[in-house]
Structure formats: structure tokens, C-alpha cells
Amino acid sequence: IYRQQLGKQHPKVADSLSGLAALYMGQGKLSEAEPLHEEALRIYRQRLGEQHPKVADSLSGLAALYMGQGILLAALPLYREALRIRRQQLGEQHPKVTESQRVLASLQ
């Protein structure tokens, strides 16, 4: 419905794609979740800019998917980029920064 009403590139479409990807991940349907995460990330980057917090959230979601697939080398740079964006946009004391730091520390 969002695609029809708002257009394919609207951030609300990306929100829906991210939500559906998270649902698929929760069900263990990683191959179905991956293209949804990738499309959401592309939309956020194009429409909101590279430094937007939703880009960081999307990067973290895609990184989590890669971790679920056992692809640590693909996940790490995404987690690092998400942390960099969150620090810059949200500040060191924000809970999402802390969460990003925790995840990265657990992987290294």
C-alpha cells in the first residue's frame, strides 16, 4: 500500500521492508530477509542521506543477518559503519551507541 500511495522510494516503504525483514529473520528465513534489508538500506541512503540514524539501524539489521548466515567478515564493517554514524548523529551516551559497542566487542 505504501508503495502505491507514496512511491517505491519513500522511507515508509523502507520501514515496512525492514520490519518484514526482521520478521523473516525471526522465523529463520534469512534468504528472504536479505533482499528486503538491502532494499531498505538503499532507500534510506538515497532518501535520507548516508549519515541518517535509520541508515545505521538498517546497516545493523543487515549485519545481524550476515551473522546469522555465519558471514562475520561481511557483518563487521557494517556494524562499524553503524557505530560511526550513531556516534556522530546520536552522541556517545545514546543507548544505540552502547548497543553497537557491545555487539562489536562481542565479535572481536
N, C-alpha and C. Protein backbone atom coordinates (compact mmCIF):
# COMPACT_ATOMS: atom_id res chain seq x y z
N ILE A 1 0.84 -1.19 0.00
CA ILE A 1 0.00 0.00 0.00
C ILE A 1 0.88 1.25 0.00
N TYR A 2 1.94 1.27 0.85
CA TYR A 2 2.82 2.44 0.87
C TYR A 2 3.44 2.69 -0.50
N ARG A 3 3.85 1.62 -1.17
CA ARG A 3 4.46 1.79 -2.50
C ARG A 3 3.49 2.46 -3.46
N GLN A 4 2.24 2.06 -3.40
CA GLN A 4 1.24 2.63 -4.30
C GLN A 4 0.94 4.09 -3.94
N GLN A 5 0.82 4.36 -2.66
CA GLN A 5 0.42 5.69 -2.21
C GLN A 5 1.57 6.70 -2.19
N LEU A 6 2.75 6.24 -1.76
CA LEU A 6 3.86 7.16 -1.51
C LEU A 6 5.01 7.03 -2.52
N GLY A 7 5.03 5.94 -3.25
CA GLY A 7 6.11 5.70 -4.20
C GLY A 7 7.11 4.68 -3.67
N LYS A 8 7.82 4.04 -4.59
CA LYS A 8 8.73 2.95 -4.24
C LYS A 8 9.91 3.39 -3.38
N GLN A 9 10.27 4.66 -3.44
CA GLN A 9 11.47 5.13 -2.77
C GLN A 9 11.19 5.88 -1.46
N HIS A 10 9.97 5.83 -0.98
CA HIS A 10 9.61 6.56 0.24
C HIS A 10 10.18 5.86 1.47
N PRO A 11 10.68 6.62 2.44
CA PRO A 11 11.20 6.00 3.67
C PRO A 11 10.20 5.10 4.39
N LYS A 12 8.90 5.39 4.29
CA LYS A 12 7.90 4.50 4.91
C LYS A 12 7.94 3.11 4.27
N VAL A 13 8.22 3.06 2.98
CA VAL A 13 8.38 1.77 2.30
C VAL A 13 9.57 1.04 2.90
N ALA A 14 10.67 1.76 3.10
CA ALA A 14 11.86 1.16 3.71
C ALA A 14 11.56 0.67 5.12
N ASP A 15 10.77 1.44 5.88
CA ASP A 15 10.38 1.00 7.23
C ASP A 15 9.65 -0.34 7.16
N SER A 16 8.73 -0.45 6.21
CA SER A 16 7.97 -1.70 6.07
C SER A 16 8.86 -2.85 5.64
N LEU A 17 9.78 -2.58 4.72
CA LEU A 17 10.72 -3.61 4.28
C LEU A 17 11.58 -4.09 5.44
N SER A 18 12.05 -3.16 6.25
CA SER A 18 12.87 -3.52 7.41
C SER A 18 12.09 -4.36 8.40
N GLY A 19 10.86 -3.98 8.64
CA GLY A 19 10.02 -4.75 9.55
C GLY A 19 9.77 -6.16 9.06
N LEU A 20 9.49 -6.28 7.77
CA LEU A 20 9.26 -7.60 7.19
C LEU A 20 10.55 -8.43 7.23
N ALA A 21 11.68 -7.79 6.96
CA ALA A 21 12.96 -8.50 7.03
C ALA A 21 13.21 -9.02 8.44
N ALA A 22 12.93 -8.20 9.44
CA ALA A 22 13.11 -8.63 10.83
C ALA A 22 12.20 -9.81 11.16
N LEU A 23 10.98 -9.77 10.66
CA LEU A 23 10.05 -10.88 10.87
C LEU A 23 10.60 -12.16 10.25
N TYR A 24 11.07 -12.06 9.01
CA TYR A 24 11.66 -13.23 8.35
C TYR A 24 12.88 -13.75 9.10
N MET A 25 13.69 -12.83 9.58
CA MET A 25 14.86 -13.27 10.35
C MET A 25 14.44 -14.03 11.60
N GLY A 26 13.43 -13.53 12.27
CA GLY A 26 12.92 -14.20 13.46
C GLY A 26 12.39 -15.59 13.18
N GLN A 27 11.95 -15.80 11.94
CA GLN A 27 11.46 -17.10 11.52
C GLN A 27 12.55 -17.98 10.91
N GLY A 28 13.77 -17.43 10.87
CA GLY A 28 14.88 -18.19 10.29
C GLY A 28 14.91 -18.16 8.77
N LYS A 29 14.15 -17.29 8.16
CA LYS A 29 14.10 -17.18 6.69
C LYS A 29 15.09 -16.11 6.23
N LEU A 30 16.36 -16.42 6.40
CA LEU A 30 17.41 -15.43 6.14
C LEU A 30 17.51 -15.07 4.67
N SER A 31 17.33 -16.03 3.80
CA SER A 31 17.44 -15.73 2.37
C SER A 31 16.31 -14.82 1.89
N GLU A 32 15.15 -14.90 2.52
CA GLU A 32 14.06 -14.00 2.18
C GLU A 32 14.27 -12.61 2.79
N ALA A 33 14.93 -12.56 3.93
CA ALA A 33 15.16 -11.29 4.62
C ALA A 33 16.24 -10.44 3.95
N GLU A 34 17.24 -11.08 3.39
CA GLU A 34 18.40 -10.35 2.86
C GLU A 34 18.04 -9.30 1.80
N PRO A 35 17.29 -9.64 0.75
CA PRO A 35 16.98 -8.59 -0.24
C PRO A 35 16.12 -7.46 0.32
N LEU A 36 15.31 -7.76 1.32
CA LEU A 36 14.49 -6.72 1.93
C LEU A 36 15.36 -5.74 2.72
N HIS A 37 16.31 -6.27 3.48
CA HIS A 37 17.25 -5.42 4.20
C HIS A 37 18.05 -4.56 3.22
N GLU A 38 18.52 -5.17 2.15
CA GLU A 38 19.33 -4.44 1.17
C GLU A 38 18.53 -3.33 0.50
N GLU A 39 17.29 -3.60 0.15
CA GLU A 39 16.46 -2.58 -0.48
C GLU A 39 16.15 -1.44 0.49
N ALA A 40 15.84 -1.79 1.73
CA ALA A 40 15.57 -0.75 2.74
C ALA A 40 16.80 0.14 2.92
N LEU A 41 17.97 -0.46 3.00
CA LEU A 41 19.19 0.31 3.16
C LEU A 41 19.41 1.24 1.97
N ARG A 42 19.19 0.75 0.78
CA ARG A 42 19.35 1.57 -0.42
C ARG A 42 18.41 2.76 -0.40
N ILE A 43 17.15 2.54 -0.02
CA ILE A 43 16.16 3.63 0.05
C ILE A 43 16.57 4.65 1.11
N TYR A 44 16.93 4.18 2.28
CA TYR A 44 17.33 5.12 3.34
C TYR A 44 18.51 5.97 2.90
N ARG A 45 19.50 5.33 2.29
CA ARG A 45 20.68 6.10 1.85
C ARG A 45 20.30 7.14 0.81
N GLN A 46 19.47 6.76 -0.14
CA GLN A 46 19.09 7.68 -1.21
C GLN A 46 18.19 8.80 -0.72
N ARG A 47 17.25 8.48 0.13
CA ARG A 47 16.24 9.46 0.53
C ARG A 47 16.60 10.25 1.79
N LEU A 48 17.32 9.63 2.72
CA LEU A 48 17.61 10.28 3.99
C LEU A 48 19.07 10.72 4.12
N GLY A 49 19.94 10.18 3.29
CA GLY A 49 21.35 10.52 3.36
C GLY A 49 22.17 9.48 4.09
N GLU A 50 23.44 9.45 3.77
CA GLU A 50 24.36 8.43 4.30
C GLU A 50 24.51 8.46 5.82
N GLN A 51 24.26 9.60 6.43
CA GLN A 51 24.54 9.75 7.87
C GLN A 51 23.29 9.67 8.74
N HIS A 52 22.18 9.31 8.18
CA HIS A 52 20.93 9.28 8.95
C HIS A 52 20.92 8.08 9.90
N PRO A 53 20.37 8.25 11.10
CA PRO A 53 20.29 7.13 12.05
C PRO A 53 19.56 5.90 11.49
N LYS A 54 18.59 6.09 10.61
CA LYS A 54 17.91 4.92 10.03
C LYS A 54 18.85 4.12 9.13
N VAL A 55 19.82 4.79 8.53
CA VAL A 55 20.84 4.07 7.77
C VAL A 55 21.63 3.17 8.73
N ALA A 56 21.99 3.71 9.89
CA ALA A 56 22.71 2.92 10.89
C ALA A 56 21.87 1.73 11.35
N ASP A 57 20.59 1.95 11.59
CA ASP A 57 19.72 0.84 12.00
C ASP A 57 19.67 -0.23 10.92
N SER A 58 19.57 0.21 9.68
CA SER A 58 19.49 -0.73 8.56
C SER A 58 20.80 -1.50 8.39
N LEU A 59 21.92 -0.80 8.55
CA LEU A 59 23.22 -1.48 8.50
C LEU A 59 23.32 -2.54 9.59
N SER A 60 22.85 -2.22 10.78
CA SER A 60 22.89 -3.19 11.88
C SER A 60 22.00 -4.39 11.60
N GLY A 61 20.84 -4.15 11.01
CA GLY A 61 19.96 -5.26 10.66
C GLY A 61 20.58 -6.18 9.63
N LEU A 62 21.21 -5.59 8.62
CA LEU A 62 21.86 -6.40 7.59
C LEU A 62 23.06 -7.14 8.18
N ALA A 63 23.80 -6.47 9.06
CA ALA A 63 24.93 -7.13 9.72
C ALA A 63 24.46 -8.32 10.56
N ALA A 64 23.36 -8.15 11.27
CA ALA A 64 22.80 -9.25 12.07
C ALA A 64 22.42 -10.42 11.18
N LEU A 65 21.88 -10.11 10.02
CA LEU A 65 21.54 -11.17 9.07
C LEU A 65 22.80 -11.93 8.65
N TYR A 66 23.86 -11.17 8.31
CA TYR A 66 25.11 -11.82 7.92
C TYR A 66 25.67 -12.67 9.05
N MET A 67 25.53 -12.20 10.28
CA MET A 67 25.97 -13.01 11.41
C MET A 67 25.16 -14.30 11.50
N GLY A 68 23.87 -14.19 11.25
CA GLY A 68 23.02 -15.37 11.25
C GLY A 68 23.41 -16.36 10.16
N GLN A 69 23.99 -15.85 9.09
CA GLN A 69 24.46 -16.71 8.00
C GLN A 69 25.89 -17.17 8.22
N GLY A 70 26.50 -16.69 9.32
CA GLY A 70 27.87 -17.07 9.63
C GLY A 70 28.92 -16.33 8.82
N ILE A 71 28.57 -15.15 8.31
CA ILE A 71 29.49 -14.38 7.47
C ILE A 71 30.02 -13.18 8.27
N LEU A 72 30.90 -13.47 9.21
CA LEU A 72 31.45 -12.44 10.09
C LEU A 72 32.17 -11.34 9.32
N LEU A 73 32.91 -11.71 8.29
CA LEU A 73 33.68 -10.71 7.54
C LEU A 73 32.78 -9.70 6.83
N ALA A 74 31.57 -10.08 6.50
CA ALA A 74 30.62 -9.13 5.90
C ALA A 74 29.92 -8.30 6.96
N ALA A 75 29.72 -8.88 8.13
CA ALA A 75 28.99 -8.19 9.20
C ALA A 75 29.82 -7.10 9.87
N LEU A 76 31.08 -7.37 10.13
CA LEU A 76 31.91 -6.44 10.90
C LEU A 76 31.96 -5.03 10.32
N PRO A 77 32.21 -4.84 9.02
CA PRO A 77 32.27 -3.46 8.51
C PRO A 77 30.92 -2.74 8.61
N LEU A 78 29.84 -3.49 8.51
CA LEU A 78 28.52 -2.88 8.62
C LEU A 78 28.26 -2.42 10.05
N TYR A 79 28.62 -3.27 11.01
CA TYR A 79 28.48 -2.87 12.41
C TYR A 79 29.35 -1.65 12.73
N ARG A 80 30.56 -1.62 12.18
CA ARG A 80 31.47 -0.49 12.42
C ARG A 80 30.90 0.80 11.83
N GLU A 81 30.36 0.70 10.62
CA GLU A 81 29.77 1.89 9.99
C GLU A 81 28.56 2.37 10.77
N ALA A 82 27.74 1.44 11.24
CA ALA A 82 26.57 1.80 12.04
C ALA A 82 27.00 2.52 13.31
N LEU A 83 28.04 2.02 13.97
CA LEU A 83 28.54 2.66 15.19
C LEU A 83 29.04 4.07 14.88
N ARG A 84 29.78 4.23 13.80
CA ARG A 84 30.31 5.55 13.43
C ARG A 84 29.18 6.55 13.21
N ILE A 85 28.16 6.14 12.48
CA ILE A 85 27.01 7.02 12.22
C ILE A 85 26.30 7.36 13.53
N ARG A 86 26.08 6.36 14.35
CA ARG A 86 25.36 6.59 15.61
C ARG A 86 26.14 7.53 16.53
N ARG A 87 27.43 7.34 16.61
CA ARG A 87 28.23 8.26 17.44
C ARG A 87 28.09 9.69 16.94
N GLN A 88 28.20 9.85 15.63
CA GLN A 88 28.16 11.18 15.03
C GLN A 88 26.78 11.82 15.17
N GLN A 89 25.73 11.06 14.94
CA GLN A 89 24.40 11.62 14.89
C GLN A 89 23.66 11.61 16.23
N LEU A 90 23.98 10.64 17.08
CA LEU A 90 23.23 10.48 18.33
C LEU A 90 24.02 10.83 19.58
N GLY A 91 25.34 10.79 19.49
CA GLY A 91 26.17 11.08 20.64
C GLY A 91 26.58 9.83 21.40
N GLU A 92 27.69 9.94 22.11
CA GLU A 92 28.27 8.79 22.82
C GLU A 92 27.35 8.18 23.87
N GLN A 93 26.47 8.96 24.46
CA GLN A 93 25.65 8.46 25.56
C GLN A 93 24.35 7.79 25.11
N HIS A 94 24.08 7.78 23.83
CA HIS A 94 22.83 7.21 23.34
C HIS A 94 22.84 5.69 23.49
N PRO A 95 21.70 5.09 23.87
CA PRO A 95 21.63 3.64 24.03
C PRO A 95 21.99 2.85 22.77
N LYS A 96 21.70 3.38 21.60
CA LYS A 96 22.06 2.66 20.37
C LYS A 96 23.57 2.64 20.15
N VAL A 97 24.26 3.65 20.60
CA VAL A 97 25.73 3.66 20.53
C VAL A 97 26.26 2.57 21.46
N THR A 98 25.73 2.51 22.67
CA THR A 98 26.14 1.50 23.63
C THR A 98 25.88 0.10 23.08
N GLU A 99 24.72 -0.09 22.49
CA GLU A 99 24.39 -1.40 21.91
C GLU A 99 25.35 -1.77 20.78
N SER A 100 25.66 -0.81 19.93
CA SER A 100 26.61 -1.07 18.84
C SER A 100 27.98 -1.44 19.39
N GLN A 101 28.43 -0.75 20.42
CA GLN A 101 29.72 -1.06 21.03
C GLN A 101 29.71 -2.46 21.63
N ARG A 102 28.62 -2.81 22.27
CA ARG A 102 28.50 -4.14 22.89
C ARG A 102 28.58 -5.24 21.83
N VAL A 103 27.85 -5.06 20.75
CA VAL A 103 27.85 -6.07 19.69
C VAL A 103 29.23 -6.21 19.09
N LEU A 104 29.87 -5.10 18.77
CA LEU A 104 31.21 -5.15 18.19
C LEU A 104 32.21 -5.81 19.15
N ALA A 105 32.12 -5.47 20.42
CA ALA A 105 33.04 -6.07 21.40
C ALA A 105 32.85 -7.58 21.48
N SER A 106 31.63 -8.04 21.33
CA SER A 106 31.37 -9.48 21.40
C SER A 106 31.91 -10.23 20.18
N LEU A 107 32.16 -9.51 19.11
CA LEU A 107 32.61 -10.14 17.87
C LEU A 107 34.13 -10.10 17.71
N GLN A 108 34.79 -9.28 18.50
CA GLN A 108 36.24 -9.11 18.30
C GLN A 108 37.03 -9.81 19.37
